Amino acid sequence: MQLLTFMLNNVRFGIPVDDVESIETRMSVVGVPNAPAHIEGIVNLHGDIVPICNLADYFGYPKTGYKKCYCGKYEWHEDWS
């Protein structure tokens, strides 16, 4: 199995590449009023409105000030949780 991997707080996470539809690096993020703290905003990804989630906030990791944003669209599977 091949994985798309990323690091958060020196912990490596992975998503199966077969479930990744695309990876985008330059997006205009639009803020969403009253959204949960870990939602940075939304983007228009090839005609679909996709939320941008700050995974460090979502998993409760400390803020580092470093932010490199990649927008990936993938299919979520219930057995991942």
N, C-alpha and C. Protein backbone atom coordinates (compact mmCIF):
# COMPACT_ATOMS: atom_id res chain seq x y z
N MET A 1 0.85 -1.18 0.00
CA MET A 1 0.00 0.00 0.00
C MET A 1 0.90 1.24 0.00
N GLN A 2 0.60 2.17 -0.88
CA GLN A 2 1.31 3.44 -0.90
C GLN A 2 0.52 4.47 -0.13
N LEU A 3 1.24 5.33 0.61
CA LEU A 3 0.60 6.34 1.44
C LEU A 3 1.07 7.73 1.07
N LEU A 4 0.16 8.69 1.15
CA LEU A 4 0.51 10.10 1.13
C LEU A 4 0.77 10.45 2.59
N THR A 5 1.98 10.84 2.92
CA THR A 5 2.32 11.09 4.33
C THR A 5 2.57 12.56 4.58
N PHE A 6 2.36 12.96 5.83
CA PHE A 6 2.62 14.32 6.27
C PHE A 6 2.96 14.28 7.75
N MET A 7 3.66 15.31 8.22
CA MET A 7 4.11 15.38 9.60
C MET A 7 3.34 16.45 10.36
N LEU A 8 2.96 16.12 11.59
CA LEU A 8 2.36 17.06 12.53
C LEU A 8 3.02 16.83 13.88
N ASN A 9 3.67 17.85 14.41
CA ASN A 9 4.27 17.74 15.74
C ASN A 9 5.20 16.53 15.84
N ASN A 10 6.00 16.34 14.79
CA ASN A 10 6.95 15.22 14.71
C ASN A 10 6.29 13.84 14.72
N VAL A 11 5.03 13.77 14.34
CA VAL A 11 4.32 12.51 14.19
C VAL A 11 3.94 12.37 12.71
N ARG A 12 4.28 11.22 12.12
CA ARG A 12 3.97 11.00 10.71
C ARG A 12 2.58 10.37 10.59
N PHE A 13 1.75 10.96 9.71
CA PHE A 13 0.43 10.46 9.40
C PHE A 13 0.41 10.04 7.93
N GLY A 14 -0.54 9.20 7.55
CA GLY A 14 -0.63 8.78 6.16
C GLY A 14 -2.05 8.51 5.73
N ILE A 15 -2.30 8.74 4.46
CA ILE A 15 -3.58 8.47 3.82
C ILE A 15 -3.28 7.61 2.59
N PRO A 16 -4.01 6.52 2.38
CA PRO A 16 -3.77 5.69 1.18
C PRO A 16 -3.89 6.53 -0.10
N VAL A 17 -2.89 6.43 -0.98
CA VAL A 17 -2.89 7.25 -2.20
C VAL A 17 -4.07 6.92 -3.11
N ASP A 18 -4.60 5.72 -3.03
CA ASP A 18 -5.76 5.37 -3.86
C ASP A 18 -6.99 6.18 -3.49
N ASP A 19 -7.02 6.76 -2.28
CA ASP A 19 -8.15 7.55 -1.83
C ASP A 19 -7.96 9.04 -2.05
N VAL A 20 -6.80 9.46 -2.56
CA VAL A 20 -6.51 10.87 -2.79
C VAL A 20 -6.89 11.23 -4.22
N GLU A 21 -7.77 12.22 -4.35
CA GLU A 21 -8.21 12.65 -5.69
C GLU A 21 -7.25 13.68 -6.29
N SER A 22 -6.78 14.62 -5.48
CA SER A 22 -5.87 15.65 -5.99
C SER A 22 -5.15 16.31 -4.84
N ILE A 23 -4.05 16.99 -5.17
CA ILE A 23 -3.31 17.80 -4.19
C ILE A 23 -3.08 19.15 -4.83
N GLU A 24 -3.46 20.19 -4.14
CA GLU A 24 -3.34 21.56 -4.65
C GLU A 24 -2.46 22.36 -3.69
N THR A 25 -1.62 23.24 -4.23
CA THR A 25 -0.73 24.01 -3.36
C THR A 25 -1.04 25.50 -3.29
N ARG A 26 -1.69 26.06 -4.27
CA ARG A 26 -1.97 27.50 -4.26
C ARG A 26 -3.48 27.71 -4.36
N MET A 27 -4.05 28.08 -3.21
CA MET A 27 -5.49 28.26 -3.16
C MET A 27 -5.82 29.54 -2.41
N SER A 28 -6.91 30.19 -2.78
CA SER A 28 -7.41 31.34 -2.04
C SER A 28 -8.42 30.84 -1.02
N VAL A 29 -8.06 30.95 0.25
CA VAL A 29 -8.92 30.46 1.33
C VAL A 29 -9.84 31.59 1.77
N VAL A 30 -11.13 31.30 1.82
CA VAL A 30 -12.14 32.27 2.25
C VAL A 30 -12.59 31.89 3.66
N GLY A 31 -12.51 32.84 4.58
CA GLY A 31 -12.92 32.59 5.96
C GLY A 31 -14.41 32.30 6.08
N VAL A 32 -14.78 31.54 7.11
CA VAL A 32 -16.17 31.18 7.35
C VAL A 32 -16.54 31.66 8.75
N PRO A 33 -17.46 32.62 8.87
CA PRO A 33 -17.86 33.10 10.19
C PRO A 33 -18.45 31.98 11.05
N ASN A 34 -18.12 32.00 12.33
CA ASN A 34 -18.65 31.05 13.32
C ASN A 34 -18.28 29.59 13.05
N ALA A 35 -17.25 29.35 12.25
CA ALA A 35 -16.78 27.99 12.01
C ALA A 35 -15.98 27.50 13.22
N PRO A 36 -15.87 26.19 13.41
CA PRO A 36 -15.02 25.68 14.48
C PRO A 36 -13.59 26.21 14.34
N ALA A 37 -12.87 26.28 15.44
CA ALA A 37 -11.52 26.88 15.45
C ALA A 37 -10.56 26.21 14.47
N HIS A 38 -10.70 24.91 14.25
CA HIS A 38 -9.76 24.21 13.37
C HIS A 38 -10.08 24.38 11.88
N ILE A 39 -11.20 25.02 11.54
CA ILE A 39 -11.53 25.27 10.13
C ILE A 39 -10.96 26.63 9.74
N GLU A 40 -9.97 26.62 8.86
CA GLU A 40 -9.32 27.85 8.40
C GLU A 40 -10.21 28.62 7.43
N GLY A 41 -11.06 27.91 6.72
CA GLY A 41 -11.94 28.52 5.73
C GLY A 41 -12.34 27.49 4.70
N ILE A 42 -12.74 27.97 3.53
CA ILE A 42 -13.14 27.09 2.43
C ILE A 42 -12.44 27.52 1.15
N VAL A 43 -12.35 26.59 0.21
CA VAL A 43 -11.79 26.88 -1.12
C VAL A 43 -12.71 26.28 -2.18
N ASN A 44 -12.61 26.82 -3.37
CA ASN A 44 -13.30 26.26 -4.52
C ASN A 44 -12.30 25.35 -5.23
N LEU A 45 -12.50 24.05 -5.11
CA LEU A 45 -11.57 23.08 -5.68
C LEU A 45 -12.24 22.41 -6.88
N HIS A 46 -11.95 22.93 -8.06
CA HIS A 46 -12.51 22.39 -9.30
C HIS A 46 -14.03 22.33 -9.26
N GLY A 47 -14.65 23.38 -8.70
CA GLY A 47 -16.11 23.47 -8.66
C GLY A 47 -16.75 22.93 -7.39
N ASP A 48 -15.97 22.29 -6.54
CA ASP A 48 -16.48 21.79 -5.25
C ASP A 48 -16.01 22.72 -4.14
N ILE A 49 -16.89 23.02 -3.17
CA ILE A 49 -16.52 23.82 -2.01
C ILE A 49 -15.96 22.85 -0.96
N VAL A 50 -14.70 23.07 -0.58
CA VAL A 50 -13.98 22.15 0.30
C VAL A 50 -13.49 22.91 1.53
N PRO A 51 -13.76 22.40 2.74
CA PRO A 51 -13.25 23.06 3.94
C PRO A 51 -11.74 22.82 4.09
N ILE A 52 -11.06 23.84 4.62
CA ILE A 52 -9.64 23.72 4.91
C ILE A 52 -9.50 23.58 6.42
N CYS A 53 -9.00 22.43 6.83
CA CYS A 53 -8.89 22.10 8.25
C CYS A 53 -7.45 22.25 8.70
N ASN A 54 -7.23 22.95 9.81
CA ASN A 54 -5.91 23.03 10.42
C ASN A 54 -5.76 21.78 11.28
N LEU A 55 -5.03 20.79 10.77
CA LEU A 55 -4.94 19.51 11.46
C LEU A 55 -4.22 19.60 12.79
N ALA A 56 -3.28 20.52 12.93
CA ALA A 56 -2.61 20.70 14.23
C ALA A 56 -3.64 21.11 15.28
N ASP A 57 -4.52 22.07 14.95
CA ASP A 57 -5.59 22.46 15.88
C ASP A 57 -6.55 21.30 16.14
N TYR A 58 -6.92 20.59 15.08
CA TYR A 58 -7.87 19.50 15.19
C TYR A 58 -7.37 18.41 16.15
N PHE A 59 -6.08 18.08 16.06
CA PHE A 59 -5.52 17.04 16.92
C PHE A 59 -4.99 17.57 18.24
N GLY A 60 -5.12 18.89 18.48
CA GLY A 60 -4.72 19.46 19.75
C GLY A 60 -3.22 19.68 19.92
N TYR A 61 -2.48 19.79 18.81
CA TYR A 61 -1.05 20.05 18.90
C TYR A 61 -0.80 21.53 19.13
N PRO A 62 0.31 21.89 19.76
CA PRO A 62 0.61 23.31 20.00
C PRO A 62 0.86 24.05 18.69
N LYS A 63 0.53 25.32 18.69
CA LYS A 63 0.78 26.16 17.51
C LYS A 63 2.27 26.45 17.41
N THR A 64 2.80 26.34 16.20
CA THR A 64 4.23 26.56 15.99
C THR A 64 4.52 27.85 15.24
N GLY A 65 3.50 28.44 14.63
CA GLY A 65 3.73 29.62 13.81
C GLY A 65 4.10 29.26 12.38
N TYR A 66 4.49 28.01 12.15
CA TYR A 66 4.83 27.55 10.81
C TYR A 66 3.58 26.99 10.16
N LYS A 67 3.28 27.45 8.97
CA LYS A 67 2.08 26.97 8.29
C LYS A 67 2.39 26.76 6.82
N LYS A 68 2.30 25.54 6.39
CA LYS A 68 2.43 25.22 4.97
C LYS A 68 1.16 24.48 4.61
N CYS A 69 0.38 25.05 3.73
CA CYS A 69 -0.95 24.50 3.47
C CYS A 69 -0.99 23.78 2.13
N TYR A 70 -1.40 22.55 2.17
CA TYR A 70 -1.70 21.79 0.97
C TYR A 70 -3.16 21.39 1.07
N CYS A 71 -3.87 21.60 0.02
CA CYS A 71 -5.27 21.20 0.00
C CYS A 71 -5.36 19.88 -0.73
N GLY A 72 -5.85 18.89 -0.05
CA GLY A 72 -6.03 17.59 -0.67
C GLY A 72 -7.48 17.18 -0.60
N LYS A 73 -7.98 16.61 -1.65
CA LYS A 73 -9.35 16.13 -1.65
C LYS A 73 -9.29 14.61 -1.67
N TYR A 74 -9.90 14.01 -0.66
CA TYR A 74 -9.87 12.56 -0.57
C TYR A 74 -11.20 12.06 -0.07
N GLU A 75 -11.40 10.78 -0.23
CA GLU A 75 -12.64 10.14 0.22
C GLU A 75 -12.42 9.60 1.63
N TRP A 76 -13.25 10.02 2.59
CA TRP A 76 -13.13 9.59 3.97
C TRP A 76 -13.77 8.21 4.15
N HIS A 77 -13.12 7.35 4.90
CA HIS A 77 -13.66 6.03 5.20
C HIS A 77 -13.93 5.94 6.69
N GLU A 78 -15.09 5.47 7.06
CA GLU A 78 -15.48 5.38 8.48
C GLU A 78 -14.50 4.54 9.29
N ASP A 79 -13.88 3.53 8.68
CA ASP A 79 -12.96 2.68 9.43
C ASP A 79 -11.63 3.35 9.72
N TRP A 80 -11.41 4.60 9.25
CA TRP A 80 -10.19 5.34 9.56
C TRP A 80 -10.24 5.95 10.95
N SER A 81 -11.43 6.15 11.51
CA SER A 81 -11.53 6.86 12.79
C SER A 81 -11.24 5.94 13.97
